[in-house]
Amino acid sequence: MIKENELSEKIIGAAIEVHRALGPGLLESAYEECLCKELGLKKISFERQKSLPIKYKGVDLDCGCRLDLGVENLVIVELKSITNLLPIHRAQLLTYLKLTHLKLGLLINFNVPVLTKGIKRVVNKL
């Protein structure tokens, strides 16, 4: 989990940089685009809008699930730009972690005055 923790600090730093530049109030897609640019500048590899097939009874199904960002095949980042994070957002990220067998996810809501108040770490206890 040490590598995931170090990586999550870098991701959070990149998100804070984006939030400082843009502030709250934009669409999620704008923050996603800028965060991807920032991660690229920091030479952090990621996959954007990665398809997440669901295996059901031994069959892979394409149900249209997509991860906002998969970072270095270690951390899932789900982005929001909403008034309040709800329990369903945490549950969604936890389900993604279980389906991918990853340990750590970050739920980042950019629609807050101070970004640190909009970040939630979600851990999959495998």
C-alpha atoms as a PDB file:
ATOM      1  CA  MET A   1       0.000   0.000   0.000  1.00  0.00           C
ATOM      2  CA  ILE A   2       3.034   2.274   0.325  1.00  0.00           C
ATOM      3  CA  LYS A   3       3.264   2.841  -3.439  1.00  0.00           C
ATOM      4  CA  GLU A   4      -0.476   3.597  -3.614  1.00  0.00           C
ATOM      5  CA  ASN A   5      -0.144   6.125  -0.781  1.00  0.00           C
ATOM      6  CA  GLU A   6       2.780   7.902  -2.430  1.00  0.00           C
ATOM      7  CA  LEU A   7       0.935   7.953  -5.736  1.00  0.00           C
ATOM      8  CA  SER A   8      -2.256   9.270  -4.129  1.00  0.00           C
ATOM      9  CA  GLU A   9      -0.277  12.191  -2.663  1.00  0.00           C
ATOM     10  CA  LYS A  10       0.965  13.079  -6.155  1.00  0.00           C
ATOM     11  CA  ILE A  11      -2.562  12.802  -7.599  1.00  0.00           C
ATOM     12  CA  ILE A  12      -3.975  14.997  -4.832  1.00  0.00           C
ATOM     13  CA  GLY A  13      -1.190  17.538  -5.421  1.00  0.00           C
ATOM     14  CA  ALA A  14      -2.071  17.636  -9.127  1.00  0.00           C
ATOM     15  CA  ALA A  15      -5.780  18.049  -8.314  1.00  0.00           C
ATOM     16  CA  ILE A  16      -5.012  20.904  -5.915  1.00  0.00           C
ATOM     17  CA  GLU A  17      -2.962  22.591  -8.656  1.00  0.00           C
ATOM     18  CA  VAL A  18      -5.941  22.341 -11.026  1.00  0.00           C
ATOM     19  CA  HIS A  19      -8.361  23.629  -8.377  1.00  0.00           C
ATOM     20  CA  ARG A  20      -6.087  26.580  -7.547  1.00  0.00           C
ATOM     21  CA  ALA A  21      -6.031  27.562 -11.211  1.00  0.00           C
ATOM     22  CA  LEU A  22      -9.727  27.064 -11.991  1.00  0.00           C
ATOM     23  CA  GLY A  23     -11.655  27.240  -8.715  1.00  0.00           C
ATOM     24  CA  PRO A  24     -15.046  25.586  -8.224  1.00  0.00           C
ATOM     25  CA  GLY A  25     -18.059  25.779 -10.530  1.00  0.00           C
ATOM     26  CA  LEU A  26     -17.023  24.155 -13.803  1.00  0.00           C
ATOM     27  CA  LEU A  27     -18.228  20.918 -15.325  1.00  0.00           C
ATOM     28  CA  GLU A  28     -16.554  17.657 -14.334  1.00  0.00           C
ATOM     29  CA  SER A  29     -15.216  17.258 -17.876  1.00  0.00           C
ATOM     30  CA  ALA A  30     -13.170  20.482 -17.594  1.00  0.00           C
ATOM     31  CA  TYR A  31     -11.523  19.301 -14.377  1.00  0.00           C
ATOM     32  CA  GLU A  32     -10.871  15.879 -15.896  1.00  0.00           C
ATOM     33  CA  GLU A  33      -9.162  17.407 -18.923  1.00  0.00           C
ATOM     34  CA  CYS A  34      -7.001  19.687 -16.781  1.00  0.00           C
ATOM     35  CA  LEU A  35      -6.131  16.963 -14.266  1.00  0.00           C
ATOM     36  CA  CYS A  36      -5.023  14.708 -17.121  1.00  0.00           C
ATOM     37  CA  LYS A  37      -2.819  17.523 -18.430  1.00  0.00           C
ATOM     38  CA  GLU A  38      -1.326  18.006 -14.950  1.00  0.00           C
ATOM     39  CA  LEU A  39      -0.671  14.284 -14.479  1.00  0.00           C
ATOM     40  CA  GLY A  40       1.010  14.206 -17.885  1.00  0.00           C
ATOM     41  CA  LEU A  41       3.244  17.129 -16.921  1.00  0.00           C
ATOM     42  CA  LYS A  42       4.234  15.217 -13.790  1.00  0.00           C
ATOM     43  CA  LYS A  43       4.987  12.120 -15.913  1.00  0.00           C
ATOM     44  CA  ILE A  44       2.343  10.058 -14.101  1.00  0.00           C
ATOM     45  CA  SER A  45       0.779   7.465 -16.391  1.00  0.00           C
ATOM     46  CA  PHE A  46      -3.007   7.143 -16.497  1.00  0.00           C
ATOM     47  CA  GLU A  47      -5.894   5.814 -18.552  1.00  0.00           C
ATOM     48  CA  ARG A  48      -8.857   8.097 -19.063  1.00  0.00           C
ATOM     49  CA  GLN A  49     -12.460   6.850 -19.287  1.00  0.00           C
ATOM     50  CA  LYS A  50     -11.236   3.275 -19.037  1.00  0.00           C
ATOM     51  CA  SER A  51     -13.885   0.677 -19.825  1.00  0.00           C
ATOM     52  CA  LEU A  52     -14.704  -1.631 -16.923  1.00  0.00           C
ATOM     53  CA  PRO A  53     -16.215  -4.913 -18.112  1.00  0.00           C
ATOM     54  CA  ILE A  54     -18.223  -6.797 -15.537  1.00  0.00           C
ATOM     55  CA  LYS A  55     -17.715 -10.516 -15.200  1.00  0.00           C
ATOM     56  CA  TYR A  56     -21.043 -12.169 -14.418  1.00  0.00           C
ATOM     57  CA  LYS A  57     -21.358 -15.930 -14.149  1.00  0.00           C
ATOM     58  CA  GLY A  58     -18.122 -16.395 -16.051  1.00  0.00           C
ATOM     59  CA  VAL A  59     -19.011 -14.031 -18.894  1.00  0.00           C
ATOM     60  CA  ASP A  60     -17.479 -10.593 -19.506  1.00  0.00           C
ATOM     61  CA  LEU A  61     -20.257  -8.064 -20.092  1.00  0.00           C
ATOM     62  CA  ASP A  62     -19.808  -4.540 -21.389  1.00  0.00           C
ATOM     63  CA  CYS A  63     -22.289  -2.645 -19.253  1.00  0.00           C
ATOM     64  CA  GLY A  64     -20.985   0.801 -20.087  1.00  0.00           C
ATOM     65  CA  CYS A  65     -19.092   1.249 -16.811  1.00  0.00           C
ATOM     66  CA  ARG A  66     -16.112   3.574 -17.141  1.00  0.00           C
ATOM     67  CA  LEU A  67     -13.477   4.681 -14.683  1.00  0.00           C
ATOM     68  CA  ASP A  68     -12.779   8.411 -14.859  1.00  0.00           C
ATOM     69  CA  LEU A  69      -9.066   7.734 -14.365  1.00  0.00           C
ATOM     70  CA  GLY A  70      -6.974   4.674 -13.706  1.00  0.00           C
ATOM     71  CA  VAL A  71      -3.586   5.903 -12.514  1.00  0.00           C
ATOM     72  CA  GLU A  72      -0.521   3.697 -12.975  1.00  0.00           C
ATOM     73  CA  ASN A  73      -2.741   0.608 -12.624  1.00  0.00           C
ATOM     74  CA  LEU A  74      -2.796   1.253  -8.865  1.00  0.00           C
ATOM     75  CA  VAL A  75      -5.319   3.982  -8.031  1.00  0.00           C
ATOM     76  CA  ILE A  76      -8.801   4.742  -9.363  1.00  0.00           C
ATOM     77  CA  VAL A  77      -9.789   8.402  -9.422  1.00  0.00           C
ATOM     78  CA  GLU A  78     -13.445   9.341  -9.689  1.00  0.00           C
ATOM     79  CA  LEU A  79     -14.108  13.022 -10.317  1.00  0.00           C
ATOM     80  CA  LYS A  80     -17.191  15.004  -9.396  1.00  0.00           C
ATOM     81  CA  SER A  81     -18.306  18.618  -9.580  1.00  0.00           C
ATOM     82  CA  ILE A  82     -21.407  18.539  -7.413  1.00  0.00           C
ATOM     83  CA  THR A  83     -22.827  20.283  -4.356  1.00  0.00           C
ATOM     84  CA  ASN A  84     -22.235  17.367  -1.983  1.00  0.00           C
ATOM     85  CA  LEU A  85     -20.707  13.928  -2.201  1.00  0.00           C
ATOM     86  CA  LEU A  86     -23.280  11.284  -1.329  1.00  0.00           C
ATOM     87  CA  PRO A  87     -22.839   7.767   0.067  1.00  0.00           C
ATOM     88  CA  ILE A  88     -23.675   6.350  -3.394  1.00  0.00           C
ATOM     89  CA  HIS A  89     -20.543   7.986  -4.849  1.00  0.00           C
ATOM     90  CA  ARG A  90     -18.346   6.215  -2.283  1.00  0.00           C
ATOM     91  CA  ALA A  91     -20.225   2.959  -2.907  1.00  0.00           C
ATOM     92  CA  GLN A  92     -19.681   3.294  -6.671  1.00  0.00           C
ATOM     93  CA  LEU A  93     -15.928   3.764  -6.201  1.00  0.00           C
ATOM     94  CA  LEU A  94     -15.723   0.856  -3.763  1.00  0.00           C
ATOM     95  CA  THR A  95     -17.484  -1.373  -6.307  1.00  0.00           C
ATOM     96  CA  TYR A  96     -14.999  -0.294  -8.991  1.00  0.00           C
ATOM     97  CA  LEU A  97     -12.137  -1.164  -6.631  1.00  0.00           C
ATOM     98  CA  LYS A  98     -13.604  -4.600  -5.979  1.00  0.00           C
ATOM     99  CA  LEU A  99     -14.153  -5.282  -9.679  1.00  0.00           C
ATOM    100  CA  THR A 100     -10.577  -4.291 -10.554  1.00  0.00           C
ATOM    101  CA  HIS A 101      -9.011  -5.855  -7.439  1.00  0.00           C
ATOM    102  CA  LEU A 102      -7.282  -2.557  -6.669  1.00  0.00           C
ATOM    103  CA  LYS A 103      -6.766  -1.289  -3.130  1.00  0.00           C
ATOM    104  CA  LEU A 104      -7.121   2.492  -3.292  1.00  0.00           C
ATOM    105  CA  GLY A 105      -9.460   4.998  -4.872  1.00  0.00           C
ATOM    106  CA  LEU A 106      -9.799   8.752  -4.658  1.00  0.00           C
ATOM    107  CA  LEU A 107     -13.143  10.495  -4.888  1.00  0.00           C
ATOM    108  CA  ILE A 108     -12.466  14.144  -5.751  1.00  0.00           C
ATOM    109  CA  ASN A 109     -15.217  16.770  -5.775  1.00  0.00           C
ATOM    110  CA  PHE A 110     -13.971  19.989  -7.377  1.00  0.00           C
ATOM    111  CA  ASN A 111     -17.114  21.979  -6.519  1.00  0.00           C
ATOM    112  CA  VAL A 112     -15.846  23.091  -3.085  1.00  0.00           C
ATOM    113  CA  PRO A 113     -14.080  26.287  -1.938  1.00  0.00           C
ATOM    114  CA  VAL A 114     -11.092  24.319  -0.548  1.00  0.00           C
ATOM    115  CA  LEU A 115     -10.288  21.129  -2.443  1.00  0.00           C
ATOM    116  CA  THR A 116      -9.013  19.202   0.581  1.00  0.00           C
ATOM    117  CA  LYS A 117     -12.612  19.279   1.856  1.00  0.00           C
ATOM    118  CA  GLY A 118     -13.759  17.524  -1.338  1.00  0.00           C
ATOM    119  CA  ILE A 119     -11.336  14.579  -1.316  1.00  0.00           C
ATOM    120  CA  LYS A 120     -12.245  11.158   0.062  1.00  0.00           C
ATOM    121  CA  ARG A 121      -9.954   8.144   0.100  1.00  0.00           C
ATOM    122  CA  VAL A 122     -11.689   4.821  -0.371  1.00  0.00           C
ATOM    123  CA  VAL A 123      -9.875   1.617   0.515  1.00  0.00           C
ATOM    124  CA  ASN A 124     -10.782  -1.853  -0.724  1.00  0.00           C
ATOM    125  CA  LYS A 125     -10.022  -4.332   2.035  1.00  0.00           C
ATOM    126  CA  LEU A 126      -9.296  -7.301  -0.190  1.00  0.00           C
END
